Every structure is written in structure tokens, then in C-alpha cells.
Amino acid sequence: ITHVGMYFGNGRFIHATGEQGVTIMPLAAEPYSRQFKCARRLSA
């Protein structure tokens, strides 16, 4: 695992990136779409 972000809704996620700081972008954007590894949700 080399990076983490948070799903924001409507196909977008929010994360802190070296290029833009904290920003919102489409999960379909490359390279993030192909680098997607897994997702996790806070459990009860």
C-alpha cells in the first residue's frame, strides 16, 4: 500500500497528494483508477 484517500461520493475521492495538497478528484482518474487496491469501512 503506497497511498490512501477517502471516498467522497459521486465517483470522487478526497486525498492529500504531493502535487496539490488536500484535493477532490474522480476515482476514475489515472493513475488512481488502475492503482486501486482495496477499500475499507469503519465497522460497528
All heavy atoms as atom14 arrays in JSON, in Angstrom:
{
  "sequence": "ITHVGMYFGNGRFIHATGEQGVTIMPLAAEPYSRQFKCARRLSA",
  "atom14_mask": [
    [1, 1, 1, 1, 1, 1, 1, 1, 0, 0, 0, 0, 0, 0],
    [1, 1, 1, 1, 1, 1, 1, 0, 0, 0, 0, 0, 0, 0],
    [1, 1, 1, 1, 1, 1, 1, 1, 1, 1, 0, 0, 0, 0],
    [1, 1, 1, 1, 1, 1, 1, 0, 0, 0, 0, 0, 0, 0],
    [1, 1, 1, 1, 0, 0, 0, 0, 0, 0, 0, 0, 0, 0],
    [1, 1, 1, 1, 1, 1, 1, 1, 0, 0, 0, 0, 0, 0],
    [1, 1, 1, 1, 1, 1, 1, 1, 1, 1, 1, 1, 0, 0],
    [1, 1, 1, 1, 1, 1, 1, 1, 1, 1, 1, 0, 0, 0],
    [1, 1, 1, 1, 0, 0, 0, 0, 0, 0, 0, 0, 0, 0],
    [1, 1, 1, 1, 1, 1, 1, 1, 0, 0, 0, 0, 0, 0],
    [1, 1, 1, 1, 0, 0, 0, 0, 0, 0, 0, 0, 0, 0],
    [1, 1, 1, 1, 1, 1, 1, 1, 1, 1, 1, 0, 0, 0],
    [1, 1, 1, 1, 1, 1, 1, 1, 1, 1, 1, 0, 0, 0],
    [1, 1, 1, 1, 1, 1, 1, 1, 0, 0, 0, 0, 0, 0],
    [1, 1, 1, 1, 1, 1, 1, 1, 1, 1, 0, 0, 0, 0],
    [1, 1, 1, 1, 1, 0, 0, 0, 0, 0, 0, 0, 0, 0],
    [1, 1, 1, 1, 1, 1, 1, 0, 0, 0, 0, 0, 0, 0],
    [1, 1, 1, 1, 0, 0, 0, 0, 0, 0, 0, 0, 0, 0],
    [1, 1, 1, 1, 1, 1, 1, 1, 1, 0, 0, 0, 0, 0],
    [1, 1, 1, 1, 1, 1, 1, 1, 1, 0, 0, 0, 0, 0],
    [1, 1, 1, 1, 0, 0, 0, 0, 0, 0, 0, 0, 0, 0],
    [1, 1, 1, 1, 1, 1, 1, 0, 0, 0, 0, 0, 0, 0],
    [1, 1, 1, 1, 1, 1, 1, 0, 0, 0, 0, 0, 0, 0],
    [1, 1, 1, 1, 1, 1, 1, 1, 0, 0, 0, 0, 0, 0],
    [1, 1, 1, 1, 1, 1, 1, 1, 0, 0, 0, 0, 0, 0],
    [1, 1, 1, 1, 1, 1, 1, 0, 0, 0, 0, 0, 0, 0],
    [1, 1, 1, 1, 1, 1, 1, 1, 0, 0, 0, 0, 0, 0],
    [1, 1, 1, 1, 1, 0, 0, 0, 0, 0, 0, 0, 0, 0],
    [1, 1, 1, 1, 1, 0, 0, 0, 0, 0, 0, 0, 0, 0],
    [1, 1, 1, 1, 1, 1, 1, 1, 1, 0, 0, 0, 0, 0],
    [1, 1, 1, 1, 1, 1, 1, 0, 0, 0, 0, 0, 0, 0],
    [1, 1, 1, 1, 1, 1, 1, 1, 1, 1, 1, 1, 0, 0],
    [1, 1, 1, 1, 1, 1, 0, 0, 0, 0, 0, 0, 0, 0],
    [1, 1, 1, 1, 1, 1, 1, 1, 1, 1, 1, 0, 0, 0],
    [1, 1, 1, 1, 1, 1, 1, 1, 1, 0, 0, 0, 0, 0],
    [1, 1, 1, 1, 1, 1, 1, 1, 1, 1, 1, 0, 0, 0],
    [1, 1, 1, 1, 1, 1, 1, 1, 1, 0, 0, 0, 0, 0],
    [1, 1, 1, 1, 1, 1, 0, 0, 0, 0, 0, 0, 0, 0],
    [1, 1, 1, 1, 1, 0, 0, 0, 0, 0, 0, 0, 0, 0],
    [1, 1, 1, 1, 1, 1, 1, 1, 1, 1, 1, 0, 0, 0],
    [1, 1, 1, 1, 1, 1, 1, 1, 1, 1, 1, 0, 0, 0],
    [1, 1, 1, 1, 1, 1, 1, 1, 0, 0, 0, 0, 0, 0],
    [1, 1, 1, 1, 1, 1, 0, 0, 0, 0, 0, 0, 0, 0],
    [1, 1, 1, 1, 1, 0, 0, 0, 0, 0, 0, 0, 0, 0]
  ],
  "atom14_positions": [
    [[0.87, -1.18, 0.0], [0.0, 0.0, 0.0], [0.9, 1.23, 0.0], [1.79, 1.35, 0.85], [-0.92, 0.04, 1.24], [-1.84, -1.18, 1.28], [-1.72, 1.34, 1.27], [-2.9, -1.22, 0.22], [0.0, 0.0, 0.0], [0.0, 0.0, 0.0], [0.0, 0.0, 0.0], [0.0, 0.0, 0.0], [0.0, 0.0, 0.0], [0.0, 0.0, 0.0]],
    [[0.68, 2.13, -0.94], [1.52, 3.32, -1.02], [0.75, 4.62, -0.84], [1.37, 5.68, -0.72], [2.24, 3.37, -2.38], [1.25, 3.4, -3.44], [3.14, 2.16, -2.58], [0.0, 0.0, 0.0], [0.0, 0.0, 0.0], [0.0, 0.0, 0.0], [0.0, 0.0, 0.0], [0.0, 0.0, 0.0], [0.0, 0.0, 0.0], [0.0, 0.0, 0.0]],
    [[-0.59, 4.55, -0.83], [-1.38, 5.78, -0.76], [-2.78, 5.46, -0.23], [-3.26, 4.33, -0.37], [-1.48, 6.41, -2.15], [-2.09, 7.78, -2.18], [-1.54, 8.86, -1.51], [-3.21, 8.26, -2.78], [-2.28, 9.94, -1.71], [-3.31, 9.59, -2.47], [0.0, 0.0, 0.0], [0.0, 0.0, 0.0], [0.0, 0.0, 0.0], [0.0, 0.0, 0.0]],
    [[-3.4, 6.46, 0.41], [-4.76, 6.29, 0.92], [-5.54, 7.57, 0.7], [-5.0, 8.68, 0.76], [-4.76, 5.91, 2.43], [-4.1, 6.98, 3.28], [-6.17, 5.62, 2.92], [0.0, 0.0, 0.0], [0.0, 0.0, 0.0], [0.0, 0.0, 0.0], [0.0, 0.0, 0.0], [0.0, 0.0, 0.0], [0.0, 0.0, 0.0], [0.0, 0.0, 0.0]],
    [[-6.82, 7.42, 0.43], [-7.74, 8.53, 0.32], [-9.08, 8.14, 0.9], [-9.23, 7.06, 1.47], [0.0, 0.0, 0.0], [0.0, 0.0, 0.0], [0.0, 0.0, 0.0], [0.0, 0.0, 0.0], [0.0, 0.0, 0.0], [0.0, 0.0, 0.0], [0.0, 0.0, 0.0], [0.0, 0.0, 0.0], [0.0, 0.0, 0.0], [0.0, 0.0, 0.0]],
    [[-10.06, 9.02, 0.78], [-11.38, 8.77, 1.34], [-12.44, 9.02, 0.26], [-12.39, 10.05, -0.43], [-11.63, 9.7, 2.53], [-13.01, 9.57, 3.16], [-13.2, 10.66, 4.6], [-12.07, 9.9, 5.76], [0.0, 0.0, 0.0], [0.0, 0.0, 0.0], [0.0, 0.0, 0.0], [0.0, 0.0, 0.0], [0.0, 0.0, 0.0], [0.0, 0.0, 0.0]],
    [[-13.35, 8.08, 0.11], [-14.41, 8.24, -0.88], [-15.3, 9.4, -0.46], [-15.71, 9.52, 0.7], [-15.22, 6.96, -1.01], [-16.16, 6.98, -2.2], [-15.66, 6.98, -3.5], [-17.54, 7.02, -2.02], [-16.51, 7.01, -4.6], [-18.4, 7.05, -3.11], [-17.88, 7.05, -4.4], [-18.73, 7.1, -5.47], [0.0, 0.0, 0.0], [0.0, 0.0, 0.0]],
    [[-15.63, 10.25, -1.44], [-16.37, 11.48, -1.16], [-17.8, 11.42, -1.68], [-18.65, 12.21, -1.28], [-15.65, 12.67, -1.79], [-16.11, 14.01, -1.31], [-15.87, 14.42, 0.0], [-16.82, 14.86, -2.15], [-16.3, 15.65, 0.45], [-17.25, 16.1, -1.7], [-16.99, 16.49, -0.4], [0.0, 0.0, 0.0], [0.0, 0.0, 0.0], [0.0, 0.0, 0.0]],
    [[-18.06, 10.46, -2.55], [-19.38, 10.34, -3.15], [-19.37, 10.76, -4.62], [-18.47, 11.48, -5.07], [0.0, 0.0, 0.0], [0.0, 0.0, 0.0], [0.0, 0.0, 0.0], [0.0, 0.0, 0.0], [0.0, 0.0, 0.0], [0.0, 0.0, 0.0], [0.0, 0.0, 0.0], [0.0, 0.0, 0.0], [0.0, 0.0, 0.0], [0.0, 0.0, 0.0]],
    [[-20.34, 10.26, -5.38], [-20.48, 10.61, -6.81], [-19.22, 10.31, -7.61], [-18.84, 11.09, -8.5], [-20.86, 12.08, -6.97], [-22.2, 12.41, -6.34], [-23.15, 11.64, -6.46], [-22.28, 13.54, -5.64], [0.0, 0.0, 0.0], [0.0, 0.0, 0.0], [0.0, 0.0, 0.0], [0.0, 0.0, 0.0], [0.0, 0.0, 0.0], [0.0, 0.0, 0.0]],
    [[-18.6, 9.17, -7.3], [-17.44, 8.75, -8.07], [-16.17, 9.53, -7.79], [-15.19, 9.4, -8.52], [0.0, 0.0, 0.0], [0.0, 0.0, 0.0], [0.0, 0.0, 0.0], [0.0, 0.0, 0.0], [0.0, 0.0, 0.0], [0.0, 0.0, 0.0], [0.0, 0.0, 0.0], [0.0, 0.0, 0.0], [0.0, 0.0, 0.0], [0.0, 0.0, 0.0]],
    [[-16.15, 10.32, -6.72], [-14.98, 11.13, -6.39], [-14.38, 10.71, -5.05], [-15.05, 10.14, -4.21], [-15.35, 12.61, -6.35], [-15.92, 13.15, -7.66], [-16.24, 14.63, -7.55], [-17.23, 14.89, -6.51], [-17.47, 16.08, -5.98], [-16.76, 17.13, -6.37], [-18.39, 16.24, -5.06], [0.0, 0.0, 0.0], [0.0, 0.0, 0.0], [0.0, 0.0, 0.0]],
    [[-13.1, 11.03, -4.88], [-12.45, 10.78, -3.59], [-11.6, 11.99, -3.22], [-11.26, 12.82, -4.06], [-11.64, 9.48, -3.61], [-10.33, 9.55, -4.35], [-9.12, 9.52, -3.65], [-10.28, 9.62, -5.74], [-7.9, 9.56, -4.32], [-9.07, 9.66, -6.41], [-7.88, 9.63, -5.71], [0.0, 0.0, 0.0], [0.0, 0.0, 0.0], [0.0, 0.0, 0.0]],
    [[-11.3, 12.08, -1.94], [-10.53, 13.2, -1.4], [-9.27, 12.65, -0.76], [-9.31, 11.62, -0.07], [-11.38, 14.02, -0.4], [-10.62, 15.24, 0.11], [-11.89, 13.16, 0.74], [-11.52, 16.22, 0.9], [0.0, 0.0, 0.0], [0.0, 0.0, 0.0], [0.0, 0.0, 0.0], [0.0, 0.0, 0.0], [0.0, 0.0, 0.0], [0.0, 0.0, 0.0]],
    [[-8.15, 13.3, -1.02], [-6.87, 12.79, -0.51], [-5.85, 13.92, -0.46], [-6.06, 15.01, -1.0], [-6.37, 11.64, -1.38], [-6.06, 12.01, -2.8], [-5.11, 11.35, -3.55], [-6.57, 12.96, -3.64], [-5.04, 11.86, -4.77], [-5.92, 12.84, -4.84], [0.0, 0.0, 0.0], [0.0, 0.0, 0.0], [0.0, 0.0, 0.0], [0.0, 0.0, 0.0]],
    [[-4.72, 13.64, 0.2], [-3.6, 14.57, 0.26], [-2.53, 14.07, -0.7], [-2.0, 12.97, -0.52], [-3.04, 14.66, 1.68], [0.0, 0.0, 0.0], [0.0, 0.0, 0.0], [0.0, 0.0, 0.0], [0.0, 0.0, 0.0], [0.0, 0.0, 0.0], [0.0, 0.0, 0.0], [0.0, 0.0, 0.0], [0.0, 0.0, 0.0], [0.0, 0.0, 0.0]],
    [[-2.25, 14.86, -1.71], [-1.29, 14.48, -2.73], [-0.15, 15.47, -2.79], [-0.36, 16.67, -2.54], [-1.97, 14.37, -4.1], [-0.99, 14.25, -5.13], [-2.82, 15.59, -4.4], [0.0, 0.0, 0.0], [0.0, 0.0, 0.0], [0.0, 0.0, 0.0], [0.0, 0.0, 0.0], [0.0, 0.0, 0.0], [0.0, 0.0, 0.0], [0.0, 0.0, 0.0]],
    [[1.03, 14.98, -3.11], [2.2, 15.85, -3.16], [2.09, 16.96, -4.18], [2.72, 18.0, -4.03], [0.0, 0.0, 0.0], [0.0, 0.0, 0.0], [0.0, 0.0, 0.0], [0.0, 0.0, 0.0], [0.0, 0.0, 0.0], [0.0, 0.0, 0.0], [0.0, 0.0, 0.0], [0.0, 0.0, 0.0], [0.0, 0.0, 0.0], [0.0, 0.0, 0.0]],
    [[1.28, 16.77, -5.22], [1.15, 17.78, -6.26], [0.18, 18.9, -5.89], [0.39, 20.06, -6.24], [0.68, 17.13, -7.57], [1.7, 16.2, -8.22], [1.76, 14.85, -7.53], [0.8, 14.5, -6.81], [2.78, 14.16, -7.7], [0.0, 0.0, 0.0], [0.0, 0.0, 0.0], [0.0, 0.0, 0.0], [0.0, 0.0, 0.0], [0.0, 0.0, 0.0]],
    [[-0.93, 18.55, -5.17], [-1.99, 19.52, -4.94], [-2.4, 19.7, -3.49], [-3.28, 20.5, -3.19], [-3.23, 19.12, -5.75], [-3.01, 19.02, -7.24], [-4.27, 18.59, -7.98], [-5.27, 19.3, -7.98], [-4.22, 17.41, -8.59], [0.0, 0.0, 0.0], [0.0, 0.0, 0.0], [0.0, 0.0, 0.0], [0.0, 0.0, 0.0], [0.0, 0.0, 0.0]],
    [[-1.8, 18.98, -2.56], [-2.28, 19.01, -1.19], [-3.6, 18.28, -1.1], [-3.88, 17.37, -1.88], [0.0, 0.0, 0.0], [0.0, 0.0, 0.0], [0.0, 0.0, 0.0], [0.0, 0.0, 0.0], [0.0, 0.0, 0.0], [0.0, 0.0, 0.0], [0.0, 0.0, 0.0], [0.0, 0.0, 0.0], [0.0, 0.0, 0.0], [0.0, 0.0, 0.0]],
    [[-4.44, 18.66, -0.15], [-5.74, 18.0, 0.0], [-6.66, 18.47, -1.11], [-6.93, 19.68, -1.25], [-6.35, 18.3, 1.38], [-7.73, 17.63, 1.5], [-5.43, 17.8, 2.5], [0.0, 0.0, 0.0], [0.0, 0.0, 0.0], [0.0, 0.0, 0.0], [0.0, 0.0, 0.0], [0.0, 0.0, 0.0], [0.0, 0.0, 0.0], [0.0, 0.0, 0.0]],
    [[-7.14, 17.53, -1.9], [-7.95, 17.87, -3.07], [-8.96, 16.76, -3.35], [-8.82, 15.64, -2.86], [-7.03, 18.08, -4.3], [-7.8, 18.59, -5.38], [-6.37, 16.78, -4.73], [0.0, 0.0, 0.0], [0.0, 0.0, 0.0], [0.0, 0.0, 0.0], [0.0, 0.0, 0.0], [0.0, 0.0, 0.0], [0.0, 0.0, 0.0], [0.0, 0.0, 0.0]],
    [[-9.97, 17.08, -4.14], [-11.0, 16.13, -4.54], [-10.84, 15.84, -6.03], [-10.65, 16.77, -6.83], [-12.41, 16.69, -4.27], [-12.59, 17.01, -2.79], [-13.49, 15.7, -4.72], [-13.86, 17.77, -2.47], [0.0, 0.0, 0.0], [0.0, 0.0, 0.0], [0.0, 0.0, 0.0], [0.0, 0.0, 0.0], [0.0, 0.0, 0.0], [0.0, 0.0, 0.0]],
    [[-10.93, 14.56, -6.41], [-10.79, 14.21, -7.81], [-11.57, 12.94, -8.13], [-11.95, 12.2, -7.21], [-9.32, 14.06, -8.19], [-8.59, 12.96, -7.47], [-6.78, 13.06, -7.72], [-6.66, 13.31, -9.47], [0.0, 0.0, 0.0], [0.0, 0.0, 0.0], [0.0, 0.0, 0.0], [0.0, 0.0, 0.0], [0.0, 0.0, 0.0], [0.0, 0.0, 0.0]],
    [[-11.83, 12.67, -9.41], [-12.56, 11.45, -9.77], [-11.74, 10.19, -9.48], [-10.53, 10.16, -9.74], [-12.79, 11.61, -11.28], [-12.57, 13.06, -11.57], [-11.56, 13.53, -10.57], [0.0, 0.0, 0.0], [0.0, 0.0, 0.0], [0.0, 0.0, 0.0], [0.0, 0.0, 0.0], [0.0, 0.0, 0.0], [0.0, 0.0, 0.0], [0.0, 0.0, 0.0]],
    [[-12.39, 9.17, -8.97], [-11.7, 7.91, -8.73], [-11.31, 7.26, -10.07], [-10.39, 6.46, -10.12], [-12.6, 6.96, -7.92], [-12.01, 5.61, -7.52], [-10.7, 5.78, -6.76], [-13.02, 4.83, -6.67], [0.0, 0.0, 0.0], [0.0, 0.0, 0.0], [0.0, 0.0, 0.0], [0.0, 0.0, 0.0], [0.0, 0.0, 0.0], [0.0, 0.0, 0.0]],
    [[-12.0, 7.64, -11.14], [-11.69, 7.1, -12.46], [-10.43, 7.72, -13.05], [-9.93, 7.25, -14.08], [-12.87, 7.33, -13.41], [0.0, 0.0, 0.0], [0.0, 0.0, 0.0], [0.0, 0.0, 0.0], [0.0, 0.0, 0.0], [0.0, 0.0, 0.0], [0.0, 0.0, 0.0], [0.0, 0.0, 0.0], [0.0, 0.0, 0.0], [0.0, 0.0, 0.0]],
    [[-9.89, 8.78, -12.42], [-8.69, 9.43, -12.95], [-7.49, 8.51, -12.81], [-7.36, 7.75, -11.85], [-8.45, 10.75, -12.21], [0.0, 0.0, 0.0], [0.0, 0.0, 0.0], [0.0, 0.0, 0.0], [0.0, 0.0, 0.0], [0.0, 0.0, 0.0], [0.0, 0.0, 0.0], [0.0, 0.0, 0.0], [0.0, 0.0, 0.0], [0.0, 0.0, 0.0]],
    [[-6.6, 8.59, -13.79], [-5.35, 7.83, -13.71], [-4.28, 8.67, -13.04], [-4.3, 9.9, -13.12], [-4.9, 7.41, -15.13], [-5.85, 6.44, -15.82], [-5.96, 5.1, -15.11], [-5.14, 4.81, -14.2], [-6.89, 4.34, -15.44], [0.0, 0.0, 0.0], [0.0, 0.0, 0.0], [0.0, 0.0, 0.0], [0.0, 0.0, 0.0], [0.0, 0.0, 0.0]],
    [[-3.36, 8.02, -12.31], [-3.19, 6.56, -12.24], [-4.02, 5.88, -11.15], [-3.89, 4.68, -10.94], [-1.7, 6.43, -11.91], [-1.44, 7.61, -11.01], [-2.29, 8.73, -11.58], [0.0, 0.0, 0.0], [0.0, 0.0, 0.0], [0.0, 0.0, 0.0], [0.0, 0.0, 0.0], [0.0, 0.0, 0.0], [0.0, 0.0, 0.0], [0.0, 0.0, 0.0]],
    [[-4.87, 6.64, -10.46], [-5.53, 6.09, -9.28], [-6.5, 4.96, -9.6], [-6.63, 4.0, -8.84], [-6.23, 7.22, -8.51], [-5.24, 8.26, -8.04], [-5.12, 9.48, -8.68], [-4.38, 7.99, -6.97], [-4.2, 10.42, -8.27], [-3.45, 8.92, -6.55], [-3.36, 10.14, -7.21], [-2.43, 11.06, -6.81], [0.0, 0.0, 0.0], [0.0, 0.0, 0.0]],
    [[-7.19, 5.05, -10.74], [-8.15, 4.0, -11.08], [-7.47, 2.64, -11.19], [-7.94, 1.65, -10.62], [-8.86, 4.34, -12.39], [-9.82, 3.35, -12.71], [0.0, 0.0, 0.0], [0.0, 0.0, 0.0], [0.0, 0.0, 0.0], [0.0, 0.0, 0.0], [0.0, 0.0, 0.0], [0.0, 0.0, 0.0], [0.0, 0.0, 0.0], [0.0, 0.0, 0.0]],
    [[-6.34, 2.58, -11.9], [-5.66, 1.28, -12.06], [-4.85, 0.9, -10.83], [-4.51, -0.27, -10.64], [-4.79, 1.3, -13.31], [-3.63, 2.29, -13.26], [-2.8, 2.19, -14.54], [-1.87, 3.28, -14.66], [-0.7, 3.35, -14.04], [-0.34, 2.37, -13.22], [0.09, 4.4, -14.21], [0.0, 0.0, 0.0], [0.0, 0.0, 0.0], [0.0, 0.0, 0.0]],
    [[-4.52, 1.87, -9.98], [-3.75, 1.56, -8.77], [-4.65, 1.19, -7.58], [-4.13, 0.86, -6.51], [-2.86, 2.75, -8.4], [-1.74, 3.0, -9.38], [-0.88, 4.19, -9.02], [-1.23, 4.98, -8.14], [0.25, 4.35, -9.7], [0.0, 0.0, 0.0], [0.0, 0.0, 0.0], [0.0, 0.0, 0.0], [0.0, 0.0, 0.0], [0.0, 0.0, 0.0]],
    [[-5.97, 1.26, -7.77], [-6.91, 0.91, -6.7], [-6.58, -0.49, -6.19], [-6.49, -1.45, -6.95], [-8.34, 0.96, -7.23], [-9.38, 0.57, -6.21], [-10.04, 1.53, -5.46], [-9.72, -0.76, -6.0], [-11.0, 1.18, -4.53], [-10.68, -1.13, -5.07], [-11.32, -0.15, -4.33], [0.0, 0.0, 0.0], [0.0, 0.0, 0.0], [0.0, 0.0, 0.0]],
    [[-6.42, -0.6, -4.86], [-6.06, -1.88, -4.25], [-7.21, -2.48, -3.46], [-7.58, -3.63, -3.63], [-4.85, -1.67, -3.33], [-4.4, -2.9, -2.57], [-3.63, -3.85, -3.45], [-2.99, -4.96, -2.62], [-2.22, -5.89, -3.47], [0.0, 0.0, 0.0], [0.0, 0.0, 0.0], [0.0, 0.0, 0.0], [0.0, 0.0, 0.0], [0.0, 0.0, 0.0]],
    [[-7.81, -1.68, -2.57], [-8.89, -2.17, -1.74], [-9.58, -1.0, -1.06], [-9.09, 0.14, -1.12], [-8.39, -3.16, -0.68], [-7.16, -2.47, 0.46], [0.0, 0.0, 0.0], [0.0, 0.0, 0.0], [0.0, 0.0, 0.0], [0.0, 0.0, 0.0], [0.0, 0.0, 0.0], [0.0, 0.0, 0.0], [0.0, 0.0, 0.0], [0.0, 0.0, 0.0]],
    [[-10.71, -1.27, -0.43], [-11.44, -0.23, 0.31], [-11.87, -0.79, 1.65], [-12.11, -1.99, 1.79], [-12.64, 0.25, -0.5], [0.0, 0.0, 0.0], [0.0, 0.0, 0.0], [0.0, 0.0, 0.0], [0.0, 0.0, 0.0], [0.0, 0.0, 0.0], [0.0, 0.0, 0.0], [0.0, 0.0, 0.0], [0.0, 0.0, 0.0], [0.0, 0.0, 0.0]],
    [[-11.99, 0.1, 2.62], [-12.36, -0.31, 3.98], [-13.38, 0.67, 4.55], [-13.35, 1.87, 4.27], [-11.12, -0.34, 4.89], [-10.04, -1.32, 4.45], [-10.44, -2.75, 4.73], [-9.37, -3.69, 4.43], [-9.25, -4.37, 3.29], [-10.14, -4.17, 2.31], [-8.26, -5.2, 3.1], [0.0, 0.0, 0.0], [0.0, 0.0, 0.0], [0.0, 0.0, 0.0]],
    [[-14.27, 0.13, 5.39], [-15.32, 0.93, 6.03], [-15.28, 0.69, 7.53], [-15.08, -0.44, 7.98], [-16.68, 0.54, 5.48], [-17.87, 1.31, 6.08], [-19.16, 0.89, 5.38], [-19.1, 1.24, 3.96], [-19.86, 0.65, 3.02], [-20.72, -0.29, 3.34], [-19.75, 1.03, 1.75], [0.0, 0.0, 0.0], [0.0, 0.0, 0.0], [0.0, 0.0, 0.0]],
    [[-15.45, 1.75, 8.29], [-15.49, 1.63, 9.75], [-16.59, 0.65, 10.14], [-17.73, 0.78, 9.7], [-15.74, 3.0, 10.39], [-15.54, 3.1, 11.9], [-14.07, 2.92, 12.27], [-16.04, 4.45, 12.4], [0.0, 0.0, 0.0], [0.0, 0.0, 0.0], [0.0, 0.0, 0.0], [0.0, 0.0, 0.0], [0.0, 0.0, 0.0], [0.0, 0.0, 0.0]],
    [[-16.25, -0.33, 10.97], [-17.23, -1.33, 11.36], [-17.98, -0.92, 12.61], [-17.58, -0.03, 13.34], [-16.54, -2.68, 11.6], [-15.86, -2.67, 12.84], [0.0, 0.0, 0.0], [0.0, 0.0, 0.0], [0.0, 0.0, 0.0], [0.0, 0.0, 0.0], [0.0, 0.0, 0.0], [0.0, 0.0, 0.0], [0.0, 0.0, 0.0], [0.0, 0.0, 0.0]],
    [[-19.07, -1.59, 12.88], [-19.92, -1.28, 14.04], [-19.2, -1.57, 15.35], [-19.63, -1.13, 16.41], [-21.21, -2.09, 13.97], [0.0, 0.0, 0.0], [0.0, 0.0, 0.0], [0.0, 0.0, 0.0], [0.0, 0.0, 0.0], [0.0, 0.0, 0.0], [0.0, 0.0, 0.0], [0.0, 0.0, 0.0], [0.0, 0.0, 0.0], [0.0, 0.0, 0.0]]
  ]
}
